[in-house]
Amino acid sequence: MATVEEKTTPICCSLQNKNKTAASATSPNVPQQKQQLPFISAVDSRLDPPPKSASSKELKDRKETISFDIGITVMAKAQTCHPLDPLSAAEISVAVATVRAAGATPEVRDGIRFIEVGLVEPEKQVVALADAYFFPPFQPSLLPRIKGGPVIPSKLPPRKARLVVYNKKSNETSIWIVELTEVHATTRGGHHRGKVITSTVVPDVQPPMDAVEYAECEAVVKDFPPFREAMKKRGIEDMDLVMVDPWCAGYHSEGDAPSRRLAKPLFFCRTESDCPMENGYARPVEGIHVLVDMQNMVVLEFEDRKLVPLPQADPLRNYTSGETRGGVDRSDVKPLQIIQPDGPSFRVNGNFIQWQKWNFRIGFTPREGLVIYSVAYIDGSRGRRPVAHRLSFVEMVVPYGDPNDPHYRKNAFDAGEDGLGKNAHSLKKGCDCLGYIKYFDAHFTNFYGGVETIENCVCMHEEDHGMLWKHQDWRTGLAEVRRSRRLTVSFICTVANYEYGFYWHFYQDGKIEAEVKLTGILSLGALQQGETRKYGTTIAPGLYAPVHQHFFVARMDMAVDCKPGEAFNQVVEVNVKVEEPGKNNVHNNAFYAEEKLLKSELEAMRDCDPLSARHWIVSYYSFIFIPKKGKKNHQRLIIFPI
């Protein structure tokens, strides 16, 4: 059984009162603060100038610091949220209230629906400043050395939220940027407002659909009289058994243009209304075409094109335990216990993680789900070596290869059309992790602007990963072996019939591995008696799985050995080549690895090629200028890859 910490750490920080001050210089905790902040700081008002009308008290507050006799200066007003922390529930509420209040009329405000609210990620220099002087483990080396000592502003720039808003009445999609200053966002005695920075209407697009819309679409279709008649033809009169899965219409003609918010649902039918865990996807209802206007929730088109018999009910197709469906579960598996009596090897400070020379931050967005920030490796005498600024999966596409109706139009973009983060599981309901587990919560807005929390959304734990290295000396018979331990950070989401598990693994040998596990239920089709399909696999009588693929798009903002703001990374493609017979290959056995620098994104549009063991290297390069002899003021550029 998984071991859970008594208190889970939310993945989002909470807003706190800005007026809280740090301990005074006479506090007994001061010596401890000296150890935590081993640097000298100076407040430069040029970076954060006060308004001309600022009062003397405001000027004093802006430069309020606590100085110790050894010259260490500590900010009196601590930052409550790291710039990369996901938005807290309070911040989401403030952002939503700000946008709603900006509505010109009550009618406009009544039509506003909130698709997603996420953090506007700050510039990398702001992140470096926060990591250097505002948040432990305090890494001043992240910023360049300045003559006279480091210059530190009294506070970090205010956090901002990006909101995707859909107006149900006008069918408009807009992007809002809201500043979340602590003065505005205070939850006690304040006016609960942020500050609108920008508001832009984006024409000819439709934002992701929401679970509320899915439920409304299902109800509208099931109440549509022609649809109920079509169900009766197939022997279905209990509409509680019918499942309506809205799918985006796609873009097959101008009739599907995004000027309208359209859905073309797929239909399935359960056999028992008192079995909530029955696999309804095992009984697809085909031959019915429905087009739904999701803005006004009306059926625009309906056609009963073809009567296809429902696949026969089979309790063994269900995914409940064996005893409940006339089967038998395995009973010969002995218990396997994963215990860590001394606790885990990782350390957690908010969203900052340290483990086996690795350190990084955990983030979460409604669209992508899990995001890994500021990945670095502590490499002995070389110190902290940056690896990546940001790692995530930003999109996935699932094209189906069956040209038959309705499968030809199944081409799902599960991140963009639904949101991987918004569909994440609460692992309280069942966790696939073992051992000592650290959970993180996530906060989202619902369709109407309320804040919802997914508890235990992200799981972090250590795993034994078999053998890391082994060697046995045949002369002495002596052997050495090292076990492999890895740190895994993961989340799981459900999009209609499929489950996706996203895993980021960190290894002791300096390797990072991204893994996606697919599970859940196939999106199936029905067959006539004796029929087979070239574009799918028959899996049961009258039932087949259309051929399809899953493509996952990773976003990797690499920063190998780069300082914040530097762009000194290059991508090199490596292919194995066979040497042509000749003087360099007299024995006809020569092959080698050939490297090719990819100079642009267009050039880097490459296919995988396992026959040449194709892979890519992201490396740091530096510029060294060497003056040519005999020519003054003329320089030659030499690039040294490291």
Foldseek 3Di string as FASTA:
>chain_A
DADEDPDFFALAFDFDQQPQWDDAPPDPCVVVVCVQAVFAEDADCVVPPDDPPDDPVRVCLQRDWHADPVRHIHQTGADRGQLFRKHDQLQLLLVLVQVLVPQPDPLQSVQKWWDWKIWDRDALVLNLLCQQGRDPNHNVVLDDADPPGDYHGSDGAFIKMWTWMAGLVVRWTKIWIWTDDSQQSPPPPHPSHTHTPDIGIDPFDHFADAPVLQVLLLVQQLPDVVSCVLVVVQVDNPSLFKDKGWDQQAPPDPVSTSVFRKTWIWMFGDDDNVDPQFDRLQWTFDQWTWMAGSSVGHTDDIDNGDGFHTPDDALVPTDDAQVVRVGHDDDPDDDDAAEDVVAAQWDDDNQWIDHLQWIWGWYQTQQFGIKTAFIWGQDPPVGIWTWFGIKTWRWKWKQFDAPDPPRNRRIDTCRRRPGQNNQWAQCVVPDPDHYYKHFHKDWIAHGSSRIDIRHRFKIKDKDWDAWDDKDADPVVRDMDTDTKMKIKIWIWGDDVFKIKIWIWIATNVGDIDIDIDIDGDANKDFDHQPDDDPQWADDDGRITGGDMDMDIHMDTRTAGRHRRPDDQKWKKKKFKAQDDDDPVCVPRPDIDIDIDTQDDVVSVPDDDDVVRPIDMDIWGKDWDWDDDPPDPPDTDTDIDTD
